[in-house]
Amino acid sequence: MTQYAESSSGRVAHTLASPTGLLTFRDRASDSPFVEGVWTSYSERAGKFLSVAAAHWEIVVTRCHGVTFLTLRGPETRATVADCPPDGEWVGIRFKLGTFWRETRPLTLRDRCDLTLPTATRHSFWLNGSAWEFPTFENADTFVSQLVRQGVISRDAAVDTVIEGQPRVLSTRSIQRHFVSATGITHTTFNKIERARYAAHLLRQGVPILDVVYRAGYFDQPHLTRSLTHLIGQTPTDIMRGTRQLSFLYKTALPANFYDVNSSPRGYFEREEEITHA
């Protein structure tokens, strides 16, 4: 069985308790160039929560009622209502944009078309004919390193050129195809999701709605409301109140090249030509 040593990176974990008492989250950064972050959570009771839009795909280990299994979760392009079982525990590895599972691209996993790998024992799952130990919050980075060495996951460098605003060698159309293939979403969809999550964070911090409209680059308050209702599942006022459980709203920021188009944040999101499929 494939096993992994715990990471000695010394990364500080941050805990986020929910005001609804349904889910408590803890997350940390990662030293892996393939990983955006690692999180863990547990449920206090049964209930429903809003699974908000997310641009990154994840590996999630679920432990509930004596059963453990590992699932590949794709990006989510809209908010949906999900059930939360009582006494559940989860560990998630959120991958950087451009990282992909070679045999199952994020596009096939998008919008909760999850793939659960077969379980081998209480402590392991089957992958490519071998039993692999379920990763933990502490050894997730080592687990990912093993996936890379075995050729299970890889990265498409073309995605970085888009995210970081680097000079492009390929044509715009080729870049778009690379982006959709490696991430499961278009670049415009990625920008909209990240902007909505950024706006939600500002609202949770108590930033006034009109200030959020300006700082996140929305046209006006109705534009902000439409976006957040679709992607976060709540209006700006409801997000500020914080009375409903959300899935892990990891901290995000506006894309690095957000202001590149005519020095206008709105232009970057609204003018980009895109394709909707690979």
C-alpha atoms as a PDB file:
ATOM      1  CA  MET A   1       0.000   0.000   0.000  1.00  0.00           C
ATOM      2  CA  THR A   2       1.285   3.458  -0.904  1.00  0.00           C
ATOM      3  CA  GLN A   3       1.919   5.505   2.269  1.00  0.00           C
ATOM      4  CA  TYR A   4       3.203   9.026   2.893  1.00  0.00           C
ATOM      5  CA  ALA A   5       5.152  10.789   5.603  1.00  0.00           C
ATOM      6  CA  GLU A   6       3.668  13.864   7.255  1.00  0.00           C
ATOM      7  CA  SER A   7       4.746  17.219   5.876  1.00  0.00           C
ATOM      8  CA  SER A   8       7.226  19.177   7.956  1.00  0.00           C
ATOM      9  CA  SER A   9       6.481  22.511   6.266  1.00  0.00           C
ATOM     10  CA  GLY A  10       5.211  24.051   9.497  1.00  0.00           C
ATOM     11  CA  ARG A  11       2.364  25.802   7.708  1.00  0.00           C
ATOM     12  CA  VAL A  12      -0.052  27.555  10.073  1.00  0.00           C
ATOM     13  CA  ALA A  13      -3.650  26.303   9.959  1.00  0.00           C
ATOM     14  CA  HIS A  14      -6.555  28.733  10.265  1.00  0.00           C
ATOM     15  CA  THR A  15      -9.896  27.751  11.786  1.00  0.00           C
ATOM     16  CA  LEU A  16     -13.231  29.129  10.624  1.00  0.00           C
ATOM     17  CA  ALA A  17     -16.218  28.349  12.830  1.00  0.00           C
ATOM     18  CA  SER A  18     -19.676  28.772  11.337  1.00  0.00           C
ATOM     19  CA  PRO A  19     -22.228  31.022  13.047  1.00  0.00           C
ATOM     20  CA  THR A  20     -24.871  28.433  12.084  1.00  0.00           C
ATOM     21  CA  GLY A  21     -23.112  25.681  14.043  1.00  0.00           C
ATOM     22  CA  LEU A  22     -23.292  23.284  11.099  1.00  0.00           C
ATOM     23  CA  LEU A  23     -19.719  23.074   9.738  1.00  0.00           C
ATOM     24  CA  THR A  24     -16.325  24.105  11.084  1.00  0.00           C
ATOM     25  CA  PHE A  25     -13.423  24.516   8.654  1.00  0.00           C
ATOM     26  CA  ARG A  26      -9.667  24.589   9.059  1.00  0.00           C
ATOM     27  CA  ASP A  27      -7.281  25.352   6.210  1.00  0.00           C
ATOM     28  CA  ARG A  28      -3.608  25.832   5.496  1.00  0.00           C
ATOM     29  CA  ALA A  29      -1.348  26.814   2.633  1.00  0.00           C
ATOM     30  CA  SER A  30       0.773  24.281   0.745  1.00  0.00           C
ATOM     31  CA  ASP A  31       4.383  24.121  -0.418  1.00  0.00           C
ATOM     32  CA  SER A  32       3.429  22.047  -3.453  1.00  0.00           C
ATOM     33  CA  PRO A  33       3.458  23.854  -6.837  1.00  0.00           C
ATOM     34  CA  PHE A  34       0.388  21.777  -7.729  1.00  0.00           C
ATOM     35  CA  VAL A  35      -1.736  22.662  -4.695  1.00  0.00           C
ATOM     36  CA  GLU A  36      -3.639  25.853  -3.919  1.00  0.00           C
ATOM     37  CA  GLY A  37      -4.495  24.860  -0.369  1.00  0.00           C
ATOM     38  CA  VAL A  38      -5.532  22.087   2.014  1.00  0.00           C
ATOM     39  CA  TRP A  39      -8.637  22.148   4.210  1.00  0.00           C
ATOM     40  CA  THR A  40     -10.472  19.980   6.683  1.00  0.00           C
ATOM     41  CA  SER A  41     -13.948  20.235   8.207  1.00  0.00           C
ATOM     42  CA  TYR A  42     -16.385  18.437  10.450  1.00  0.00           C
ATOM     43  CA  SER A  43     -20.138  18.663  10.930  1.00  0.00           C
ATOM     44  CA  GLU A  44     -21.845  19.257  14.273  1.00  0.00           C
ATOM     45  CA  ARG A  45     -25.255  18.106  13.063  1.00  0.00           C
ATOM     46  CA  ALA A  46     -27.281  17.301   9.956  1.00  0.00           C
ATOM     47  CA  GLY A  47     -28.533  20.134   7.780  1.00  0.00           C
ATOM     48  CA  LYS A  48     -28.333  21.860   4.417  1.00  0.00           C
ATOM     49  CA  PHE A  49     -25.742  24.316   3.150  1.00  0.00           C
ATOM     50  CA  LEU A  50     -25.002  26.354   0.050  1.00  0.00           C
ATOM     51  CA  SER A  51     -22.255  24.877  -2.096  1.00  0.00           C
ATOM     52  CA  VAL A  52     -20.885  28.043  -3.693  1.00  0.00           C
ATOM     53  CA  ALA A  53     -19.232  28.328  -7.106  1.00  0.00           C
ATOM     54  CA  ALA A  54     -15.560  27.293  -7.171  1.00  0.00           C
ATOM     55  CA  ALA A  55     -12.995  27.444  -9.967  1.00  0.00           C
ATOM     56  CA  HIS A  56     -10.631  24.763  -8.639  1.00  0.00           C
ATOM     57  CA  TRP A  57     -11.068  20.995  -8.636  1.00  0.00           C
ATOM     58  CA  GLU A  58     -10.371  19.025  -5.476  1.00  0.00           C
ATOM     59  CA  ILE A  59      -9.642  15.645  -3.992  1.00  0.00           C
ATOM     60  CA  VAL A  60     -11.853  15.101  -0.949  1.00  0.00           C
ATOM     61  CA  VAL A  61     -11.664  12.317   1.638  1.00  0.00           C
ATOM     62  CA  THR A  62     -14.956  11.726   3.467  1.00  0.00           C
ATOM     63  CA  ARG A  63     -15.284   9.903   6.789  1.00  0.00           C
ATOM     64  CA  CYS A  64     -18.854   9.391   7.928  1.00  0.00           C
ATOM     65  CA  HIS A  65     -20.611   6.682   9.969  1.00  0.00           C
ATOM     66  CA  GLY A  66     -17.604   4.352   9.833  1.00  0.00           C
ATOM     67  CA  VAL A  67     -17.144   4.622   6.062  1.00  0.00           C
ATOM     68  CA  THR A  68     -14.204   6.361   4.339  1.00  0.00           C
ATOM     69  CA  PHE A  69     -13.931   7.150   0.637  1.00  0.00           C
ATOM     70  CA  LEU A  70     -12.026   9.450  -1.745  1.00  0.00           C
ATOM     71  CA  THR A  71     -13.751  11.620  -4.344  1.00  0.00           C
ATOM     72  CA  LEU A  72     -12.621  13.811  -7.232  1.00  0.00           C
ATOM     73  CA  ARG A  73     -14.701  16.996  -7.309  1.00  0.00           C
ATOM     74  CA  GLY A  74     -14.717  19.331 -10.292  1.00  0.00           C
ATOM     75  CA  PRO A  75     -15.238  23.092 -10.501  1.00  0.00           C
ATOM     76  CA  GLU A  76     -18.714  24.460  -9.753  1.00  0.00           C
ATOM     77  CA  THR A  77     -20.148  27.202 -11.966  1.00  0.00           C
ATOM     78  CA  ARG A  78     -23.196  28.020  -9.840  1.00  0.00           C
ATOM     79  CA  ALA A  79     -24.384  27.793  -6.258  1.00  0.00           C
ATOM     80  CA  THR A  80     -26.464  24.767  -5.258  1.00  0.00           C
ATOM     81  CA  VAL A  81     -28.051  23.447  -2.071  1.00  0.00           C
ATOM     82  CA  ALA A  82     -26.324  20.387  -0.589  1.00  0.00           C
ATOM     83  CA  ASP A  83     -27.040  18.039   2.307  1.00  0.00           C
ATOM     84  CA  CYS A  84     -24.673  17.761   5.250  1.00  0.00           C
ATOM     85  CA  PRO A  85     -24.727  14.526   7.293  1.00  0.00           C
ATOM     86  CA  PRO A  86     -24.172  14.563  11.061  1.00  0.00           C
ATOM     87  CA  ASP A  87     -20.766  13.671  12.496  1.00  0.00           C
ATOM     88  CA  GLY A  88     -18.986  13.843   9.150  1.00  0.00           C
ATOM     89  CA  GLU A  89     -15.309  14.635   8.655  1.00  0.00           C
ATOM     90  CA  TRP A  90     -13.652  15.780   5.455  1.00  0.00           C
ATOM     91  CA  VAL A  91     -10.146  16.503   4.163  1.00  0.00           C
ATOM     92  CA  GLY A  92      -9.818  18.424   0.899  1.00  0.00           C
ATOM     93  CA  ILE A  93      -6.887  19.167  -1.398  1.00  0.00           C
ATOM     94  CA  ARG A  94      -7.628  22.150  -3.633  1.00  0.00           C
ATOM     95  CA  PHE A  95      -5.452  22.122  -6.764  1.00  0.00           C
ATOM     96  CA  LYS A  96      -3.982  25.102  -8.537  1.00  0.00           C
ATOM     97  CA  LEU A  97      -5.593  26.090 -11.793  1.00  0.00           C
ATOM     98  CA  GLY A  98      -3.931  24.182 -14.628  1.00  0.00           C
ATOM     99  CA  THR A  99      -3.315  21.031 -12.571  1.00  0.00           C
ATOM    100  CA  PHE A 100      -5.360  18.091 -13.825  1.00  0.00           C
ATOM    101  CA  TRP A 101      -5.952  14.380 -13.236  1.00  0.00           C
ATOM    102  CA  ARG A 102      -4.631  12.732 -16.403  1.00  0.00           C
ATOM    103  CA  GLU A 103      -7.379  10.132 -16.804  1.00  0.00           C
ATOM    104  CA  THR A 104     -10.294  12.370 -15.790  1.00  0.00           C
ATOM    105  CA  ARG A 105     -10.271  16.001 -16.871  1.00  0.00           C
ATOM    106  CA  PRO A 106     -12.064  18.635 -14.728  1.00  0.00           C
ATOM    107  CA  LEU A 107     -14.639  19.245 -17.489  1.00  0.00           C
ATOM    108  CA  THR A 108     -16.156  15.783 -16.891  1.00  0.00           C
ATOM    109  CA  LEU A 109     -16.357  16.491 -13.140  1.00  0.00           C
ATOM    110  CA  ARG A 110     -17.871  19.972 -13.414  1.00  0.00           C
ATOM    111  CA  ASP A 111     -20.948  20.964 -11.414  1.00  0.00           C
ATOM    112  CA  ARG A 112     -20.953  18.080  -8.936  1.00  0.00           C
ATOM    113  CA  CYS A 113     -20.439  15.227 -11.392  1.00  0.00           C
ATOM    114  CA  ASP A 114     -18.094  13.746  -8.783  1.00  0.00           C
ATOM    115  CA  LEU A 115     -16.030  10.598  -9.248  1.00  0.00           C
ATOM    116  CA  THR A 116     -15.507   8.366  -6.191  1.00  0.00           C
ATOM    117  CA  LEU A 117     -12.592   5.938  -6.446  1.00  0.00           C
ATOM    118  CA  PRO A 118     -13.096   2.343  -5.237  1.00  0.00           C
ATOM    119  CA  THR A 119     -12.214   1.668  -1.612  1.00  0.00           C
ATOM    120  CA  ALA A 120      -9.622  -1.028  -0.871  1.00  0.00           C
ATOM    121  CA  THR A 121      -9.695  -1.152   2.950  1.00  0.00           C
ATOM    122  CA  ARG A 122     -10.804   1.110   5.782  1.00  0.00           C
ATOM    123  CA  HIS A 123      -7.561   3.032   5.313  1.00  0.00           C
ATOM    124  CA  SER A 124      -6.936   2.878   1.553  1.00  0.00           C
ATOM    125  CA  PHE A 125      -8.397   3.190  -1.944  1.00  0.00           C
ATOM    126  CA  TRP A 126      -7.583   1.627  -5.314  1.00  0.00           C
ATOM    127  CA  LEU A 127      -5.653   3.610  -7.912  1.00  0.00           C
ATOM    128  CA  ASN A 128      -4.087   2.083 -11.031  1.00  0.00           C
ATOM    129  CA  GLY A 129      -4.164  -1.401  -9.539  1.00  0.00           C
ATOM    130  CA  SER A 130      -2.520  -0.443  -6.235  1.00  0.00           C
ATOM    131  CA  ALA A 131      -3.866   0.354  -2.792  1.00  0.00           C
ATOM    132  CA  TRP A 132      -3.111   3.930  -1.712  1.00  0.00           C
ATOM    133  CA  GLU A 133      -3.452   5.190   1.845  1.00  0.00           C
ATOM    134  CA  PHE A 134      -6.073   7.917   2.272  1.00  0.00           C
ATOM    135  CA  PRO A 135      -4.291  11.267   2.643  1.00  0.00           C
ATOM    136  CA  THR A 136      -4.682  13.348   5.799  1.00  0.00           C
ATOM    137  CA  PHE A 137      -4.646  17.078   6.490  1.00  0.00           C
ATOM    138  CA  GLU A 138      -1.025  16.751   7.612  1.00  0.00           C
ATOM    139  CA  ASN A 139       0.448  14.593   4.797  1.00  0.00           C
ATOM    140  CA  ALA A 140      -1.565  15.921   1.830  1.00  0.00           C
ATOM    141  CA  ASP A 141       1.506  17.544   0.221  1.00  0.00           C
ATOM    142  CA  THR A 142       3.442  14.280   0.311  1.00  0.00           C
ATOM    143  CA  PHE A 143       0.445  12.462  -1.138  1.00  0.00           C
ATOM    144  CA  VAL A 144       0.339  14.927  -4.059  1.00  0.00           C
ATOM    145  CA  SER A 145       4.090  14.523  -4.632  1.00  0.00           C
ATOM    146  CA  GLN A 146       3.523  10.788  -4.969  1.00  0.00           C
ATOM    147  CA  LEU A 147       0.694  11.400  -7.468  1.00  0.00           C
ATOM    148  CA  VAL A 148       3.075  13.546  -9.528  1.00  0.00           C
ATOM    149  CA  ARG A 149       5.863  10.946  -9.445  1.00  0.00           C
ATOM    150  CA  GLN A 150       3.442   8.250 -10.572  1.00  0.00           C
ATOM    151  CA  GLY A 151       2.209  10.439 -13.451  1.00  0.00           C
ATOM    152  CA  VAL A 152      -1.357  10.593 -12.095  1.00  0.00           C
ATOM    153  CA  ILE A 153      -1.580  14.395 -12.173  1.00  0.00           C
ATOM    154  CA  SER A 154       0.138  17.000 -14.300  1.00  0.00           C
ATOM    155  CA  ARG A 155       0.039  20.715 -15.112  1.00  0.00           C
ATOM    156  CA  ASP A 156      -0.610  22.695 -18.274  1.00  0.00           C
ATOM    157  CA  ALA A 157       1.807  25.641 -18.305  1.00  0.00           C
ATOM    158  CA  ALA A 158      -0.383  27.479 -20.824  1.00  0.00           C
ATOM    159  CA  VAL A 159      -2.883  28.173 -18.040  1.00  0.00           C
ATOM    160  CA  ASP A 160      -0.248  30.096 -16.077  1.00  0.00           C
ATOM    161  CA  THR A 161       0.346  32.411 -19.028  1.00  0.00           C
ATOM    162  CA  VAL A 162      -3.315  33.413 -18.871  1.00  0.00           C
ATOM    163  CA  ILE A 163      -3.653  33.719 -15.093  1.00  0.00           C
ATOM    164  CA  GLU A 164      -0.401  35.658 -14.678  1.00  0.00           C
ATOM    165  CA  GLY A 165      -0.787  37.753 -17.820  1.00  0.00           C
ATOM    166  CA  GLN A 166       2.455  36.460 -19.350  1.00  0.00           C
ATOM    167  CA  PRO A 167       3.326  36.941 -23.039  1.00  0.00           C
ATOM    168  CA  ARG A 168       1.521  34.339 -25.156  1.00  0.00           C
ATOM    169  CA  VAL A 169       3.280  32.062 -27.633  1.00  0.00           C
ATOM    170  CA  LEU A 170       0.122  30.240 -28.756  1.00  0.00           C
ATOM    171  CA  SER A 171      -2.850  31.836 -30.490  1.00  0.00           C
ATOM    172  CA  THR A 172      -5.764  33.120 -28.417  1.00  0.00           C
ATOM    173  CA  ARG A 173      -7.955  30.259 -29.606  1.00  0.00           C
ATOM    174  CA  SER A 174      -5.309  27.648 -28.675  1.00  0.00           C
ATOM    175  CA  ILE A 175      -4.844  29.217 -25.259  1.00  0.00           C
ATOM    176  CA  GLN A 176      -8.590  29.098 -24.674  1.00  0.00           C
ATOM    177  CA  ARG A 177      -8.714  25.409 -25.572  1.00  0.00           C
ATOM    178  CA  HIS A 178      -5.807  24.644 -23.237  1.00  0.00           C
ATOM    179  CA  PHE A 179      -7.536  26.562 -20.454  1.00  0.00           C
ATOM    180  CA  VAL A 180     -10.859  24.735 -20.797  1.00  0.00           C
ATOM    181  CA  SER A 181      -9.178  21.333 -21.123  1.00  0.00           C
ATOM    182  CA  ALA A 182      -7.025  21.777 -18.008  1.00  0.00           C
ATOM    183  CA  THR A 183      -9.543  23.580 -15.780  1.00  0.00           C
ATOM    184  CA  GLY A 184     -13.002  22.516 -16.960  1.00  0.00           C
ATOM    185  CA  ILE A 185     -14.153  26.133 -17.256  1.00  0.00           C
ATOM    186  CA  THR A 186     -13.488  29.106 -19.527  1.00  0.00           C
ATOM    187  CA  HIS A 187     -11.236  31.966 -18.499  1.00  0.00           C
ATOM    188  CA  THR A 188     -14.231  34.299 -18.305  1.00  0.00           C
ATOM    189  CA  THR A 189     -16.056  31.883 -15.986  1.00  0.00           C
ATOM    190  CA  PHE A 190     -12.960  31.670 -13.785  1.00  0.00           C
ATOM    191  CA  ASN A 191     -12.835  35.465 -13.540  1.00  0.00           C
ATOM    192  CA  LYS A 192     -16.523  35.738 -12.672  1.00  0.00           C
ATOM    193  CA  ILE A 193     -16.241  33.100  -9.948  1.00  0.00           C
ATOM    194  CA  GLU A 194     -13.136  34.637  -8.395  1.00  0.00           C
ATOM    195  CA  ARG A 195     -14.682  38.099  -8.490  1.00  0.00           C
ATOM    196  CA  ALA A 196     -17.869  36.855  -6.792  1.00  0.00           C
ATOM    197  CA  ARG A 197     -15.909  35.065  -4.070  1.00  0.00           C
ATOM    198  CA  TYR A 198     -13.760  38.184  -3.564  1.00  0.00           C
ATOM    199  CA  ALA A 199     -16.923  40.280  -3.228  1.00  0.00           C
ATOM    200  CA  ALA A 200     -18.412  37.786  -0.763  1.00  0.00           C
ATOM    201  CA  HIS A 201     -15.291  38.020   1.400  1.00  0.00           C
ATOM    202  CA  LEU A 202     -15.518  41.813   1.439  1.00  0.00           C
ATOM    203  CA  LEU A 203     -19.170  41.644   2.461  1.00  0.00           C
ATOM    204  CA  ARG A 204     -18.383  39.144   5.237  1.00  0.00           C
ATOM    205  CA  GLN A 205     -15.802  41.650   6.502  1.00  0.00           C
ATOM    206  CA  GLY A 206     -18.480  44.343   6.707  1.00  0.00           C
ATOM    207  CA  VAL A 207     -17.444  46.399   3.674  1.00  0.00           C
ATOM    208  CA  PRO A 208     -20.453  48.483   2.504  1.00  0.00           C
ATOM    209  CA  ILE A 209     -22.248  47.127  -0.553  1.00  0.00           C
ATOM    210  CA  LEU A 210     -21.541  50.144  -2.773  1.00  0.00           C
ATOM    211  CA  ASP A 211     -17.848  49.961  -1.881  1.00  0.00           C
ATOM    212  CA  VAL A 212     -17.867  46.267  -2.845  1.00  0.00           C
ATOM    213  CA  VAL A 213     -19.448  47.174  -6.203  1.00  0.00           C
ATOM    214  CA  TYR A 214     -16.515  49.484  -6.944  1.00  0.00           C
ATOM    215  CA  ARG A 215     -13.702  47.373  -5.485  1.00  0.00           C
ATOM    216  CA  ALA A 216     -14.833  44.175  -7.218  1.00  0.00           C
ATOM    217  CA  GLY A 217     -15.454  45.911 -10.551  1.00  0.00           C
ATOM    218  CA  TYR A 218     -19.210  45.487 -10.942  1.00  0.00           C
ATOM    219  CA  PHE A 219     -21.246  47.933 -13.040  1.00  0.00           C
ATOM    220  CA  ASP A 220     -23.736  48.678 -10.269  1.00  0.00           C
ATOM    221  CA  GLN A 221     -25.497  47.108  -7.294  1.00  0.00           C
ATOM    222  CA  PRO A 222     -28.007  45.094  -9.408  1.00  0.00           C
ATOM    223  CA  HIS A 223     -25.048  43.611 -11.326  1.00  0.00           C
ATOM    224  CA  LEU A 224     -23.429  42.593  -8.032  1.00  0.00           C
ATOM    225  CA  THR A 225     -26.697  41.116  -6.761  1.00  0.00           C
ATOM    226  CA  ARG A 226     -27.280  39.040  -9.908  1.00  0.00           C
ATOM    227  CA  SER A 227     -23.736  37.684  -9.836  1.00  0.00           C
ATOM    228  CA  LEU A 228     -23.735  36.754  -6.149  1.00  0.00           C
ATOM    229  CA  THR A 229     -27.206  35.222  -6.267  1.00  0.00           C
ATOM    230  CA  HIS A 230     -26.089  32.927  -9.091  1.00  0.00           C
ATOM    231  CA  LEU A 231     -22.573  32.103  -7.892  1.00  0.00           C
ATOM    232  CA  ILE A 232     -22.787  32.354  -4.088  1.00  0.00           C
ATOM    233  CA  GLY A 233     -26.501  31.638  -3.697  1.00  0.00           C
ATOM    234  CA  GLN A 234     -27.314  34.751  -1.663  1.00  0.00           C
ATOM    235  CA  THR A 235     -27.887  38.464  -2.083  1.00  0.00           C
ATOM    236  CA  PRO A 236     -25.220  40.873  -0.797  1.00  0.00           C
ATOM    237  CA  THR A 237     -27.371  41.684   2.243  1.00  0.00           C
ATOM    238  CA  ASP A 238     -27.835  38.018   3.105  1.00  0.00           C
ATOM    239  CA  ILE A 239     -24.079  37.393   2.799  1.00  0.00           C
ATOM    240  CA  MET A 240     -23.388  40.248   5.208  1.00  0.00           C
ATOM    241  CA  ARG A 241     -25.828  38.787   7.728  1.00  0.00           C
ATOM    242  CA  GLY A 242     -24.056  35.415   7.611  1.00  0.00           C
ATOM    243  CA  THR A 243     -27.096  33.467   8.744  1.00  0.00           C
ATOM    244  CA  ARG A 244     -26.766  30.598   6.259  1.00  0.00           C
ATOM    245  CA  GLN A 245     -24.031  27.960   6.059  1.00  0.00           C
ATOM    246  CA  LEU A 246     -21.795  28.169   2.997  1.00  0.00           C
ATOM    247  CA  SER A 247     -19.267  25.651   1.717  1.00  0.00           C
ATOM    248  CA  PHE A 248     -15.652  26.595   2.367  1.00  0.00           C
ATOM    249  CA  LEU A 249     -15.318  30.202   1.203  1.00  0.00           C
ATOM    250  CA  TYR A 250     -11.538  30.154   0.907  1.00  0.00           C
ATOM    251  CA  LYS A 251      -9.897  33.548   0.723  1.00  0.00           C
ATOM    252  CA  THR A 252      -9.328  34.770  -2.811  1.00  0.00           C
ATOM    253  CA  ALA A 253      -8.300  37.946  -4.602  1.00  0.00           C
ATOM    254  CA  LEU A 254      -8.905  39.560  -7.942  1.00  0.00           C
ATOM    255  CA  PRO A 255      -6.857  38.030 -10.793  1.00  0.00           C
ATOM    256  CA  ALA A 256      -3.368  39.505 -11.181  1.00  0.00           C
ATOM    257  CA  ASN A 257      -4.185  41.095 -14.555  1.00  0.00           C
ATOM    258  CA  PHE A 258      -7.632  42.323 -13.512  1.00  0.00           C
ATOM    259  CA  TYR A 259      -6.864  45.912 -14.493  1.00  0.00           C
ATOM    260  CA  ASP A 260      -5.098  45.229 -17.771  1.00  0.00           C
ATOM    261  CA  VAL A 261      -7.868  46.066 -20.239  1.00  0.00           C
ATOM    262  CA  ASN A 262      -8.053  49.832 -20.804  1.00  0.00           C
ATOM    263  CA  SER A 263      -7.235  50.301 -17.091  1.00  0.00           C
ATOM    264  CA  SER A 264     -10.793  49.222 -16.307  1.00  0.00           C
ATOM    265  CA  PRO A 265     -11.600  46.241 -14.089  1.00  0.00           C
ATOM    266  CA  ARG A 266     -14.975  45.843 -15.776  1.00  0.00           C
ATOM    267  CA  GLY A 267     -13.434  45.615 -19.241  1.00  0.00           C
ATOM    268  CA  TYR A 268     -11.312  42.642 -18.301  1.00  0.00           C
ATOM    269  CA  PHE A 269     -14.352  40.573 -17.451  1.00  0.00           C
ATOM    270  CA  GLU A 270     -16.869  41.793 -19.990  1.00  0.00           C
ATOM    271  CA  ARG A 271     -14.834  41.998 -23.210  1.00  0.00           C
ATOM    272  CA  GLU A 272     -12.862  38.799 -23.244  1.00  0.00           C
ATOM    273  CA  GLU A 273     -13.655  36.560 -26.216  1.00  0.00           C
ATOM    274  CA  GLU A 274     -14.090  32.951 -25.121  1.00  0.00           C
ATOM    275  CA  ILE A 275     -15.061  29.474 -26.232  1.00  0.00           C
ATOM    276  CA  THR A 276     -17.500  27.404 -24.227  1.00  0.00           C
ATOM    277  CA  HIS A 277     -16.174  23.940 -24.977  1.00  0.00           C
ATOM    278  CA  ALA A 278     -12.918  22.219 -25.804  1.00  0.00           C
END
